[in-house]
Amino acid sequence: MNKKKIAIVTGGFSDERVISLKSCSFVLNNLNRKKYDLHTIIIDKGRWYEESTGLDIDKNDFSLNLGTEKILFDGVYLIIHGPPVEDGQLQAYFNLLGIPHSTCDTFSSALCFNKQATKSYLTPFGIPMAQSIMLHRPGLPDESEMKKLGFPVFVKPNCHGSSFGISKAKSFEELLTSCELAYKYDSEILVESFMEGREFSCGVVRYKGEITALPVTEIISETEFFDFAAKYEHKSQEITPADLTDEEAMECRSRAAEIYRLLNCRGMVRVDFILHQGTFKMLEVNTVPGLSPESIIPAQARAYGWTYSEFLEVVLNDTLF
């Protein structure tokens, strides 16, 4: 049997690069090597190269020239958090070359990466969300605007992930400091009303052609909210499956699947929610979720009944073959 040649593309241009490399290791360690010939491709701003040989990729056709052999890839497993994958840039390149890839398309990726655009797109469909205002550098909110949202509020870079630059402001003075922090990561920032409630996350994939929501995870953070330390420094409990009634779990999963469908997503996607006043309200959509044995999506896949290898195969079968 001829093995399919798969490029696992990682690295990237953002602060999330270190997370991307960890996620790449998970994919590399769990894809079935009896079926796939795997090559890790590192993408930097100035250079694209294969990790094991150090050889540069030919960007004209995304090939790898080994001297005695020229490798053309059957598919690409994209695992870059942040640019140039989570915002859709690299997907356009692979679409032009006709090489299938494992994530959402360019439009859906770019849309989901922009938090305010996602909210604006989903609002006409009745998806419950927090109220928010968007600011452009160096703009700051005035006190009349803040009367609509109240305090506390969350301040976030509009196009960034892994909780970089996010903070909670409990007063107008703290808000100004929070805006200054968020502007370090993006020229657009979001000020969002605080919603008291439990936090949940639900992964979604397409399995045998059907949109399939995975078991729900509850996130209980030791920090004040689910920030970088809570996500990556073991400062949170992530309980899968979540302690919900059957009806609540079904509501969360159904809403996650509906959002996946409305945004025309592909591959694995994670939708985060707050259960606020009895309603699951969407926080954000992550089209390149983190992957490690401690990450949310792999835990949900295991709870669904898949091994890590089987789960990654589901993604490949949906998007590459």
C-alpha atoms as a PDB file:
ATOM      1  CA  MET A   1       0.000   0.000   0.000  1.00  0.00           C
ATOM      2  CA  ASN A   2       1.362   3.392  -1.005  1.00  0.00           C
ATOM      3  CA  LYS A   3       1.387   5.708   1.960  1.00  0.00           C
ATOM      4  CA  LYS A   4      -0.273   9.108   1.601  1.00  0.00           C
ATOM      5  CA  LYS A   5       2.304  11.878   1.952  1.00  0.00           C
ATOM      6  CA  ILE A   6       1.112  14.344   4.577  1.00  0.00           C
ATOM      7  CA  ALA A   7       2.774  17.630   5.493  1.00  0.00           C
ATOM      8  CA  ILE A   8       2.134  18.691   9.079  1.00  0.00           C
ATOM      9  CA  VAL A   9       2.530  22.460   8.826  1.00  0.00           C
ATOM     10  CA  THR A  10       3.377  24.324  12.031  1.00  0.00           C
ATOM     11  CA  GLY A  11       5.285  27.325  13.399  1.00  0.00           C
ATOM     12  CA  GLY A  12       3.739  30.608  12.324  1.00  0.00           C
ATOM     13  CA  PHE A  13       4.233  34.312  12.891  1.00  0.00           C
ATOM     14  CA  SER A  14       2.554  35.041  16.226  1.00  0.00           C
ATOM     15  CA  ASP A  15       3.061  34.731  19.986  1.00  0.00           C
ATOM     16  CA  GLU A  16       1.154  31.442  19.718  1.00  0.00           C
ATOM     17  CA  ARG A  17       4.028  29.782  17.858  1.00  0.00           C
ATOM     18  CA  VAL A  18       5.112  27.798  20.935  1.00  0.00           C
ATOM     19  CA  ILE A  19       1.577  26.400  21.293  1.00  0.00           C
ATOM     20  CA  SER A  20       1.540  25.476  17.592  1.00  0.00           C
ATOM     21  CA  LEU A  21       4.727  23.446  17.972  1.00  0.00           C
ATOM     22  CA  LYS A  22       3.236  21.532  20.919  1.00  0.00           C
ATOM     23  CA  SER A  23       0.081  20.793  18.949  1.00  0.00           C
ATOM     24  CA  CYS A  24       2.192  19.619  16.015  1.00  0.00           C
ATOM     25  CA  SER A  25       3.907  17.074  18.285  1.00  0.00           C
ATOM     26  CA  PHE A  26       0.514  15.674  19.239  1.00  0.00           C
ATOM     27  CA  VAL A  27      -0.481  15.227  15.589  1.00  0.00           C
ATOM     28  CA  LEU A  28       2.897  13.729  14.711  1.00  0.00           C
ATOM     29  CA  ASN A  29       2.750  11.258  17.620  1.00  0.00           C
ATOM     30  CA  ASN A  30      -0.810  10.113  16.971  1.00  0.00           C
ATOM     31  CA  LEU A  31      -1.304   9.894  13.209  1.00  0.00           C
ATOM     32  CA  ASN A  32      -0.973   6.331  11.914  1.00  0.00           C
ATOM     33  CA  ARG A  33       2.509   6.039  10.372  1.00  0.00           C
ATOM     34  CA  LYS A  34       1.561   2.734   8.748  1.00  0.00           C
ATOM     35  CA  LYS A  35      -0.852   4.696   6.565  1.00  0.00           C
ATOM     36  CA  TYR A  36       0.851   8.085   6.229  1.00  0.00           C
ATOM     37  CA  ASP A  37       4.316   9.333   5.311  1.00  0.00           C
ATOM     38  CA  LEU A  38       4.600  12.333   7.657  1.00  0.00           C
ATOM     39  CA  HIS A  39       6.778  15.410   7.210  1.00  0.00           C
ATOM     40  CA  THR A  40       6.878  18.321   9.657  1.00  0.00           C
ATOM     41  CA  ILE A  41       7.116  21.633   7.807  1.00  0.00           C
ATOM     42  CA  ILE A  42       8.100  24.710   9.821  1.00  0.00           C
ATOM     43  CA  ILE A  43       6.850  28.070   8.565  1.00  0.00           C
ATOM     44  CA  ASP A  44       8.742  31.202   9.579  1.00  0.00           C
ATOM     45  CA  LYS A  45       8.356  34.679   8.112  1.00  0.00           C
ATOM     46  CA  GLY A  46      11.500  34.316   6.052  1.00  0.00           C
ATOM     47  CA  ARG A  47      11.714  30.573   5.494  1.00  0.00           C
ATOM     48  CA  TRP A  48       9.678  27.374   5.048  1.00  0.00           C
ATOM     49  CA  TYR A  49      11.597  24.152   5.678  1.00  0.00           C
ATOM     50  CA  GLU A  50      11.277  20.502   6.642  1.00  0.00           C
ATOM     51  CA  GLU A  51      12.259  20.015  10.273  1.00  0.00           C
ATOM     52  CA  SER A  52      14.156  16.703  10.002  1.00  0.00           C
ATOM     53  CA  THR A  53      16.360  17.590   6.989  1.00  0.00           C
ATOM     54  CA  GLY A  54      16.449  21.380   7.219  1.00  0.00           C
ATOM     55  CA  LEU A  55      15.683  21.496   3.488  1.00  0.00           C
ATOM     56  CA  ASP A  56      13.691  24.420   2.151  1.00  0.00           C
ATOM     57  CA  ILE A  57      10.241  23.946   0.666  1.00  0.00           C
ATOM     58  CA  ASP A  58       9.770  25.012  -2.951  1.00  0.00           C
ATOM     59  CA  LYS A  59       6.901  27.497  -2.578  1.00  0.00           C
ATOM     60  CA  ASN A  60       6.074  27.283  -6.295  1.00  0.00           C
ATOM     61  CA  ASP A  61       4.376  23.928  -5.751  1.00  0.00           C
ATOM     62  CA  PHE A  62       4.930  23.237  -2.024  1.00  0.00           C
ATOM     63  CA  SER A  63       7.314  20.402  -2.805  1.00  0.00           C
ATOM     64  CA  LEU A  64      10.369  19.010  -1.038  1.00  0.00           C
ATOM     65  CA  ASN A  65      13.402  18.142  -3.154  1.00  0.00           C
ATOM     66  CA  LEU A  66      15.503  15.414  -1.526  1.00  0.00           C
ATOM     67  CA  GLY A  67      17.938  15.247  -4.449  1.00  0.00           C
ATOM     68  CA  THR A  68      17.024  11.729  -5.483  1.00  0.00           C
ATOM     69  CA  GLU A  69      13.300  12.340  -4.968  1.00  0.00           C
ATOM     70  CA  LYS A  70      10.873  15.229  -5.245  1.00  0.00           C
ATOM     71  CA  ILE A  71       8.034  14.917  -2.732  1.00  0.00           C
ATOM     72  CA  LEU A  72       4.644  16.314  -3.682  1.00  0.00           C
ATOM     73  CA  PHE A  73       2.181  16.129  -0.796  1.00  0.00           C
ATOM     74  CA  ASP A  74      -1.250  14.500  -0.958  1.00  0.00           C
ATOM     75  CA  GLY A  75      -2.557  16.720   1.815  1.00  0.00           C
ATOM     76  CA  VAL A  76      -1.627  19.190   4.520  1.00  0.00           C
ATOM     77  CA  TYR A  77      -2.477  19.018   8.227  1.00  0.00           C
ATOM     78  CA  LEU A  78      -2.487  22.672   9.287  1.00  0.00           C
ATOM     79  CA  ILE A  79      -1.698  23.222  12.953  1.00  0.00           C
ATOM     80  CA  ILE A  80      -0.725  26.880  13.322  1.00  0.00           C
ATOM     81  CA  HIS A  81      -2.548  28.904  15.961  1.00  0.00           C
ATOM     82  CA  GLY A  82      -2.768  32.530  14.873  1.00  0.00           C
ATOM     83  CA  PRO A  83      -1.414  33.801  11.520  1.00  0.00           C
ATOM     84  CA  PRO A  84      -0.996  32.622   8.828  1.00  0.00           C
ATOM     85  CA  VAL A  85      -3.490  29.749   9.306  1.00  0.00           C
ATOM     86  CA  GLU A  86      -6.085  30.743  11.882  1.00  0.00           C
ATOM     87  CA  ASP A  87      -6.750  33.902   9.860  1.00  0.00           C
ATOM     88  CA  GLY A  88      -7.034  31.955   6.569  1.00  0.00           C
ATOM     89  CA  GLN A  89      -3.994  33.262   4.711  1.00  0.00           C
ATOM     90  CA  LEU A  90      -2.267  29.937   4.093  1.00  0.00           C
ATOM     91  CA  GLN A  91      -5.474  28.168   3.089  1.00  0.00           C
ATOM     92  CA  ALA A  92      -5.735  30.453   0.052  1.00  0.00           C
ATOM     93  CA  TYR A  93      -2.236  29.393  -1.031  1.00  0.00           C
ATOM     94  CA  PHE A  94      -3.077  25.689  -0.789  1.00  0.00           C
ATOM     95  CA  ASN A  95      -6.382  26.233  -2.584  1.00  0.00           C
ATOM     96  CA  LEU A  96      -4.510  27.825  -5.490  1.00  0.00           C
ATOM     97  CA  LEU A  97      -2.182  24.830  -5.649  1.00  0.00           C
ATOM     98  CA  GLY A  98      -5.049  22.357  -5.367  1.00  0.00           C
ATOM     99  CA  ILE A  99      -3.618  20.704  -2.244  1.00  0.00           C
ATOM    100  CA  PRO A 100      -6.301  19.696   0.283  1.00  0.00           C
ATOM    101  CA  HIS A 101      -5.886  20.918   3.868  1.00  0.00           C
ATOM    102  CA  SER A 102      -7.410  20.077   7.226  1.00  0.00           C
ATOM    103  CA  THR A 103      -9.052  23.334   8.335  1.00  0.00           C
ATOM    104  CA  CYS A 104     -11.819  25.757   7.469  1.00  0.00           C
ATOM    105  CA  ASP A 105     -11.522  27.609   4.169  1.00  0.00           C
ATOM    106  CA  THR A 106     -10.043  31.093   3.838  1.00  0.00           C
ATOM    107  CA  PHE A 107     -13.287  33.001   4.370  1.00  0.00           C
ATOM    108  CA  SER A 108     -14.559  31.009   7.355  1.00  0.00           C
ATOM    109  CA  SER A 109     -11.130  31.050   9.027  1.00  0.00           C
ATOM    110  CA  ALA A 110     -10.736  34.807   8.585  1.00  0.00           C
ATOM    111  CA  LEU A 111     -14.294  35.404   9.785  1.00  0.00           C
ATOM    112  CA  CYS A 112     -13.900  33.304  12.937  1.00  0.00           C
ATOM    113  CA  PHE A 113     -10.498  34.839  13.721  1.00  0.00           C
ATOM    114  CA  ASN A 114     -12.140  38.262  13.866  1.00  0.00           C
ATOM    115  CA  LYS A 115     -14.217  38.137  17.046  1.00  0.00           C
ATOM    116  CA  GLN A 116     -16.422  41.134  16.235  1.00  0.00           C
ATOM    117  CA  ALA A 117     -17.025  39.991  12.651  1.00  0.00           C
ATOM    118  CA  THR A 118     -18.103  36.574  13.954  1.00  0.00           C
ATOM    119  CA  LYS A 119     -20.564  38.221  16.337  1.00  0.00           C
ATOM    120  CA  SER A 120     -21.923  40.494  13.609  1.00  0.00           C
ATOM    121  CA  TYR A 121     -22.320  37.575  11.202  1.00  0.00           C
ATOM    122  CA  LEU A 122     -24.148  35.371  13.723  1.00  0.00           C
ATOM    123  CA  THR A 123     -26.409  38.038  15.268  1.00  0.00           C
ATOM    124  CA  PRO A 124     -29.157  37.837  12.572  1.00  0.00           C
ATOM    125  CA  PHE A 125     -29.410  34.083  13.228  1.00  0.00           C
ATOM    126  CA  GLY A 126     -30.329  34.660  16.871  1.00  0.00           C
ATOM    127  CA  ILE A 127     -27.169  33.234  18.450  1.00  0.00           C
ATOM    128  CA  PRO A 128     -27.005  34.574  22.045  1.00  0.00           C
ATOM    129  CA  MET A 129     -23.819  36.545  22.810  1.00  0.00           C
ATOM    130  CA  ALA A 130     -22.456  39.265  25.077  1.00  0.00           C
ATOM    131  CA  GLN A 131     -22.888  42.917  24.176  1.00  0.00           C
ATOM    132  CA  SER A 132     -19.682  44.554  22.973  1.00  0.00           C
ATOM    133  CA  ILE A 133     -18.106  47.588  21.355  1.00  0.00           C
ATOM    134  CA  MET A 134     -15.065  47.597  19.071  1.00  0.00           C
ATOM    135  CA  LEU A 135     -12.301  50.200  19.218  1.00  0.00           C
ATOM    136  CA  HIS A 136      -9.525  51.082  16.790  1.00  0.00           C
ATOM    137  CA  ARG A 137      -6.076  52.144  17.964  1.00  0.00           C
ATOM    138  CA  PRO A 138      -5.632  54.612  19.642  1.00  0.00           C
ATOM    139  CA  GLY A 139      -9.327  54.971  20.415  1.00  0.00           C
ATOM    140  CA  LEU A 140     -10.639  54.626  23.952  1.00  0.00           C
ATOM    141  CA  PRO A 141     -14.226  54.198  25.163  1.00  0.00           C
ATOM    142  CA  ASP A 142     -15.986  57.139  26.710  1.00  0.00           C
ATOM    143  CA  GLU A 143     -17.993  56.894  29.878  1.00  0.00           C
ATOM    144  CA  SER A 144     -21.330  57.212  28.074  1.00  0.00           C
ATOM    145  CA  GLU A 145     -20.536  54.137  25.970  1.00  0.00           C
ATOM    146  CA  MET A 146     -19.626  52.186  29.075  1.00  0.00           C
ATOM    147  CA  LYS A 147     -23.022  52.872  30.640  1.00  0.00           C
ATOM    148  CA  LYS A 148     -24.466  50.483  28.034  1.00  0.00           C
ATOM    149  CA  LEU A 149     -22.124  47.674  29.041  1.00  0.00           C
ATOM    150  CA  GLY A 150     -21.607  48.354  32.738  1.00  0.00           C
ATOM    151  CA  PHE A 151     -18.730  46.957  34.778  1.00  0.00           C
ATOM    152  CA  PRO A 152     -16.908  44.648  34.933  1.00  0.00           C
ATOM    153  CA  VAL A 153     -16.005  44.122  31.277  1.00  0.00           C
ATOM    154  CA  PHE A 154     -13.514  41.998  29.361  1.00  0.00           C
ATOM    155  CA  VAL A 155     -11.077  43.687  27.002  1.00  0.00           C
ATOM    156  CA  LYS A 156      -9.606  41.555  24.206  1.00  0.00           C
ATOM    157  CA  PRO A 157      -7.566  41.937  21.046  1.00  0.00           C
ATOM    158  CA  ASN A 158     -10.095  41.471  18.244  1.00  0.00           C
ATOM    159  CA  CYS A 159      -7.890  39.152  16.185  1.00  0.00           C
ATOM    160  CA  HIS A 160      -5.751  37.085  18.523  1.00  0.00           C
ATOM    161  CA  GLY A 161      -5.905  33.814  20.412  1.00  0.00           C
ATOM    162  CA  SER A 162      -4.629  31.857  23.428  1.00  0.00           C
ATOM    163  CA  SER A 163      -5.866  34.651  25.732  1.00  0.00           C
ATOM    164  CA  PHE A 164      -2.912  36.927  24.953  1.00  0.00           C
ATOM    165  CA  GLY A 165      -3.794  40.520  25.851  1.00  0.00           C
ATOM    166  CA  ILE A 166      -7.103  39.730  27.554  1.00  0.00           C
ATOM    167  CA  SER A 167      -7.944  41.299  30.894  1.00  0.00           C
ATOM    168  CA  LYS A 168     -10.917  42.060  33.096  1.00  0.00           C
ATOM    169  CA  ALA A 169     -11.652  45.664  34.042  1.00  0.00           C
ATOM    170  CA  LYS A 170     -13.812  46.554  37.024  1.00  0.00           C
ATOM    171  CA  SER A 171     -13.688  50.332  36.683  1.00  0.00           C
ATOM    172  CA  PHE A 172     -13.124  53.011  34.063  1.00  0.00           C
ATOM    173  CA  GLU A 173      -9.542  53.499  35.273  1.00  0.00           C
ATOM    174  CA  GLU A 174      -8.817  49.771  34.952  1.00  0.00           C
ATOM    175  CA  LEU A 175     -10.467  49.819  31.529  1.00  0.00           C
ATOM    176  CA  LEU A 176      -7.913  52.313  30.207  1.00  0.00           C
ATOM    177  CA  THR A 177      -5.066  50.067  31.403  1.00  0.00           C
ATOM    178  CA  SER A 178      -6.746  47.025  29.855  1.00  0.00           C
ATOM    179  CA  CYS A 179      -7.097  48.819  26.520  1.00  0.00           C
ATOM    180  CA  GLU A 180      -3.413  49.694  26.570  1.00  0.00           C
ATOM    181  CA  LEU A 181      -2.549  46.022  27.118  1.00  0.00           C
ATOM    182  CA  ALA A 182      -4.880  44.748  24.364  1.00  0.00           C
ATOM    183  CA  TYR A 183      -3.506  47.284  21.849  1.00  0.00           C
ATOM    184  CA  LYS A 184      -0.083  45.650  22.229  1.00  0.00           C
ATOM    185  CA  TYR A 185      -1.492  42.642  20.374  1.00  0.00           C
ATOM    186  CA  ASP A 186      -3.896  44.170  17.844  1.00  0.00           C
ATOM    187  CA  SER A 187      -4.939  47.499  16.361  1.00  0.00           C
ATOM    188  CA  GLU A 188      -8.596  46.565  16.999  1.00  0.00           C
ATOM    189  CA  ILE A 189      -9.858  45.636  20.443  1.00  0.00           C
ATOM    190  CA  LEU A 190     -13.151  44.463  21.840  1.00  0.00           C
ATOM    191  CA  VAL A 191     -14.778  45.638  25.068  1.00  0.00           C
ATOM    192  CA  GLU A 192     -17.341  43.035  26.071  1.00  0.00           C
ATOM    193  CA  SER A 193     -19.924  42.940  28.831  1.00  0.00           C
ATOM    194  CA  PHE A 194     -19.274  40.513  31.675  1.00  0.00           C
ATOM    195  CA  MET A 195     -21.662  37.562  31.954  1.00  0.00           C
ATOM    196  CA  GLU A 196     -21.776  35.724  35.264  1.00  0.00           C
ATOM    197  CA  GLY A 197     -21.966  31.976  34.777  1.00  0.00           C
ATOM    198  CA  ARG A 198     -20.226  28.666  34.199  1.00  0.00           C
ATOM    199  CA  GLU A 199     -17.896  28.326  31.224  1.00  0.00           C
ATOM    200  CA  PHE A 200     -18.149  25.470  28.734  1.00  0.00           C
ATOM    201  CA  SER A 201     -16.522  24.381  25.511  1.00  0.00           C
ATOM    202  CA  CYS A 202     -17.762  22.045  22.802  1.00  0.00           C
ATOM    203  CA  GLY A 203     -15.761  20.616  19.925  1.00  0.00           C
ATOM    204  CA  VAL A 204     -17.361  19.915  16.561  1.00  0.00           C
ATOM    205  CA  VAL A 205     -16.202  17.780  13.630  1.00  0.00           C
ATOM    206  CA  ARG A 206     -17.809  16.279  10.554  1.00  0.00           C
ATOM    207  CA  TYR A 207     -18.003  12.484  10.866  1.00  0.00           C
ATOM    208  CA  LYS A 208     -19.138  10.403   7.899  1.00  0.00           C
ATOM    209  CA  GLY A 209     -20.591  13.539   6.353  1.00  0.00           C
ATOM    210  CA  GLU A 210     -22.593  14.573   9.438  1.00  0.00           C
ATOM    211  CA  ILE A 211     -21.827  17.539  11.695  1.00  0.00           C
ATOM    212  CA  THR A 212     -21.022  15.919  15.047  1.00  0.00           C
ATOM    213  CA  ALA A 213     -20.745  17.789  18.346  1.00  0.00           C
ATOM    214  CA  LEU A 214     -18.486  16.137  20.908  1.00  0.00           C
ATOM    215  CA  PRO A 215     -19.183  15.798  24.660  1.00  0.00           C
ATOM    216  CA  VAL A 216     -19.125  19.144  26.468  1.00  0.00           C
ATOM    217  CA  THR A 217     -16.271  20.272  28.737  1.00  0.00           C
ATOM    218  CA  GLU A 218     -16.729  22.546  31.747  1.00  0.00           C
ATOM    219  CA  ILE A 219     -13.808  24.882  32.445  1.00  0.00           C
ATOM    220  CA  ILE A 220     -13.288  25.837  36.085  1.00  0.00           C
ATOM    221  CA  SER A 221     -10.459  28.345  36.268  1.00  0.00           C
ATOM    222  CA  GLU A 222      -8.290  28.924  39.328  1.00  0.00           C
ATOM    223  CA  THR A 223      -7.590  32.407  37.963  1.00  0.00           C
ATOM    224  CA  GLU A 224     -10.257  35.084  37.673  1.00  0.00           C
ATOM    225  CA  PHE A 225     -11.049  33.981  34.126  1.00  0.00           C
ATOM    226  CA  PHE A 226      -9.781  31.456  31.569  1.00  0.00           C
ATOM    227  CA  ASP A 227      -6.539  33.294  30.766  1.00  0.00           C
ATOM    228  CA  PHE A 228      -3.187  32.056  29.418  1.00  0.00           C
ATOM    229  CA  ALA A 229      -2.129  30.603  32.787  1.00  0.00           C
ATOM    230  CA  ALA A 230      -5.431  28.760  33.128  1.00  0.00           C
ATOM    231  CA  LYS A 231      -5.099  27.337  29.615  1.00  0.00           C
ATOM    232  CA  TYR A 232      -1.442  26.376  29.501  1.00  0.00           C
ATOM    233  CA  GLU A 233      -0.047  26.411  33.038  1.00  0.00           C
ATOM    234  CA  HIS A 234      -2.509  23.979  34.629  1.00  0.00           C
ATOM    235  CA  LYS A 235      -4.416  26.722  36.456  1.00  0.00           C
ATOM    236  CA  SER A 236      -7.823  25.276  35.632  1.00  0.00           C
ATOM    237  CA  GLN A 237      -9.928  22.142  35.893  1.00  0.00           C
ATOM    238  CA  GLU A 238     -11.416  20.893  32.643  1.00  0.00           C
ATOM    239  CA  ILE A 239     -14.163  18.376  33.285  1.00  0.00           C
ATOM    240  CA  THR A 240     -15.267  16.138  30.410  1.00  0.00           C
ATOM    241  CA  PRO A 241     -18.074  15.280  30.131  1.00  0.00           C
ATOM    242  CA  ALA A 242     -19.397  18.320  31.960  1.00  0.00           C
ATOM    243  CA  ASP A 243     -21.755  18.022  34.910  1.00  0.00           C
ATOM    244  CA  LEU A 244     -24.894  19.022  33.011  1.00  0.00           C
ATOM    245  CA  THR A 245     -28.369  17.570  32.674  1.00  0.00           C
ATOM    246  CA  ASP A 246     -29.000  15.667  29.454  1.00  0.00           C
ATOM    247  CA  GLU A 247     -31.132  18.561  28.246  1.00  0.00           C
ATOM    248  CA  GLU A 248     -28.427  21.139  29.008  1.00  0.00           C
ATOM    249  CA  ALA A 249     -25.717  19.072  27.324  1.00  0.00           C
ATOM    250  CA  MET A 250     -27.911  18.607  24.252  1.00  0.00           C
ATOM    251  CA  GLU A 251     -28.620  22.358  24.105  1.00  0.00           C
ATOM    252  CA  CYS A 252     -24.906  23.198  24.227  1.00  0.00           C
ATOM    253  CA  ARG A 253     -23.977  20.585  21.626  1.00  0.00           C
ATOM    254  CA  SER A 254     -26.833  21.600  19.325  1.00  0.00           C
ATOM    255  CA  ARG A 255     -25.837  25.252  19.519  1.00  0.00           C
ATOM    256  CA  ALA A 256     -22.187  24.430  18.790  1.00  0.00           C
ATOM    257  CA  ALA A 257     -23.218  22.330  15.776  1.00  0.00           C
ATOM    258  CA  GLU A 258     -25.514  25.118  14.549  1.00  0.00           C
ATOM    259  CA  ILE A 259     -22.687  27.679  14.774  1.00  0.00           C
ATOM    260  CA  TYR A 260     -20.366  25.285  12.910  1.00  0.00           C
ATOM    261  CA  ARG A 261     -22.978  24.982  10.138  1.00  0.00           C
ATOM    262  CA  LEU A 262     -23.767  28.707   9.932  1.00  0.00           C
ATOM    263  CA  LEU A 263     -20.065  29.588   9.648  1.00  0.00           C
ATOM    264  CA  ASN A 264     -19.515  26.839   7.035  1.00  0.00           C
ATOM    265  CA  CYS A 265     -16.713  25.291   9.091  1.00  0.00           C
ATOM    266  CA  ARG A 266     -14.576  22.282   8.185  1.00  0.00           C
ATOM    267  CA  GLY A 267     -12.305  20.041  10.225  1.00  0.00           C
ATOM    268  CA  MET A 268     -12.168  20.363  13.999  1.00  0.00           C
ATOM    269  CA  VAL A 269     -13.568  23.515  15.581  1.00  0.00           C
ATOM    270  CA  ARG A 270     -14.134  24.459  19.224  1.00  0.00           C
ATOM    271  CA  VAL A 271     -16.952  26.754  20.354  1.00  0.00           C
ATOM    272  CA  ASP A 272     -16.755  28.362  23.808  1.00  0.00           C
ATOM    273  CA  PHE A 273     -19.828  29.341  25.829  1.00  0.00           C
ATOM    274  CA  ILE A 274     -20.981  30.894  29.084  1.00  0.00           C
ATOM    275  CA  LEU A 275     -24.097  29.416  30.675  1.00  0.00           C
ATOM    276  CA  HIS A 276     -25.616  32.758  31.638  1.00  0.00           C
ATOM    277  CA  GLN A 277     -29.107  33.040  33.116  1.00  0.00           C
ATOM    278  CA  GLY A 278     -30.026  29.606  31.800  1.00  0.00           C
ATOM    279  CA  THR A 279     -28.807  30.193  28.228  1.00  0.00           C
ATOM    280  CA  PHE A 280     -25.608  29.045  26.522  1.00  0.00           C
ATOM    281  CA  LYS A 281     -24.141  32.282  25.155  1.00  0.00           C
ATOM    282  CA  MET A 282     -21.301  32.083  22.652  1.00  0.00           C
ATOM    283  CA  LEU A 283     -17.928  33.546  23.588  1.00  0.00           C
ATOM    284  CA  GLU A 284     -15.840  32.717  20.521  1.00  0.00           C
ATOM    285  CA  VAL A 285     -15.120  30.165  17.809  1.00  0.00           C
ATOM    286  CA  ASN A 286     -11.661  28.603  17.501  1.00  0.00           C
ATOM    287  CA  THR A 287     -10.943  27.017  14.112  1.00  0.00           C
ATOM    288  CA  VAL A 288      -7.474  25.708  15.103  1.00  0.00           C
ATOM    289  CA  PRO A 289      -7.950  24.362  18.652  1.00  0.00           C
ATOM    290  CA  GLY A 290      -4.949  23.383  20.729  1.00  0.00           C
ATOM    291  CA  LEU A 291      -3.937  19.731  20.677  1.00  0.00           C
ATOM    292  CA  SER A 292      -2.180  17.886  23.487  1.00  0.00           C
ATOM    293  CA  PRO A 293      -3.231  15.092  25.875  1.00  0.00           C
ATOM    294  CA  GLU A 294      -4.291  17.881  28.288  1.00  0.00           C
ATOM    295  CA  SER A 295      -6.222  19.923  25.695  1.00  0.00           C
ATOM    296  CA  ILE A 296      -9.996  20.188  25.540  1.00  0.00           C
ATOM    297  CA  ILE A 297     -10.681  18.705  22.091  1.00  0.00           C
ATOM    298  CA  PRO A 298      -8.648  15.470  22.619  1.00  0.00           C
ATOM    299  CA  ALA A 299     -10.393  14.914  25.963  1.00  0.00           C
ATOM    300  CA  GLN A 300     -13.761  15.304  24.257  1.00  0.00           C
ATOM    301  CA  ALA A 301     -12.731  12.890  21.497  1.00  0.00           C
ATOM    302  CA  ARG A 302     -11.803  10.295  24.128  1.00  0.00           C
ATOM    303  CA  ALA A 303     -15.130  10.842  25.897  1.00  0.00           C
ATOM    304  CA  TYR A 304     -16.893  10.315  22.568  1.00  0.00           C
ATOM    305  CA  GLY A 305     -15.171   6.926  22.274  1.00  0.00           C
ATOM    306  CA  TRP A 306     -12.315   7.636  19.866  1.00  0.00           C
ATOM    307  CA  THR A 307      -8.603   7.138  20.404  1.00  0.00           C
ATOM    308  CA  TYR A 308      -6.450  10.153  19.538  1.00  0.00           C
ATOM    309  CA  SER A 309      -5.439   8.405  16.325  1.00  0.00           C
ATOM    310  CA  GLU A 310      -9.059   7.710  15.367  1.00  0.00           C
ATOM    311  CA  PHE A 311     -10.009  11.319  16.036  1.00  0.00           C
ATOM    312  CA  LEU A 312      -7.239  12.711  13.825  1.00  0.00           C
ATOM    313  CA  GLU A 313      -8.304  10.230  11.154  1.00  0.00           C
ATOM    314  CA  VAL A 314     -11.848  11.617  11.313  1.00  0.00           C
ATOM    315  CA  VAL A 315     -10.483  15.079  10.551  1.00  0.00           C
ATOM    316  CA  LEU A 316      -8.332  13.757   7.680  1.00  0.00           C
ATOM    317  CA  ASN A 317     -11.192  11.798   6.137  1.00  0.00           C
ATOM    318  CA  ASP A 318     -13.457  14.845   6.233  1.00  0.00           C
ATOM    319  CA  THR A 319     -11.025  17.369   4.821  1.00  0.00           C
ATOM    320  CA  LEU A 320      -8.266  15.641   2.826  1.00  0.00           C
ATOM    321  CA  PHE A 321      -9.611  12.466   1.241  1.00  0.00           C
END
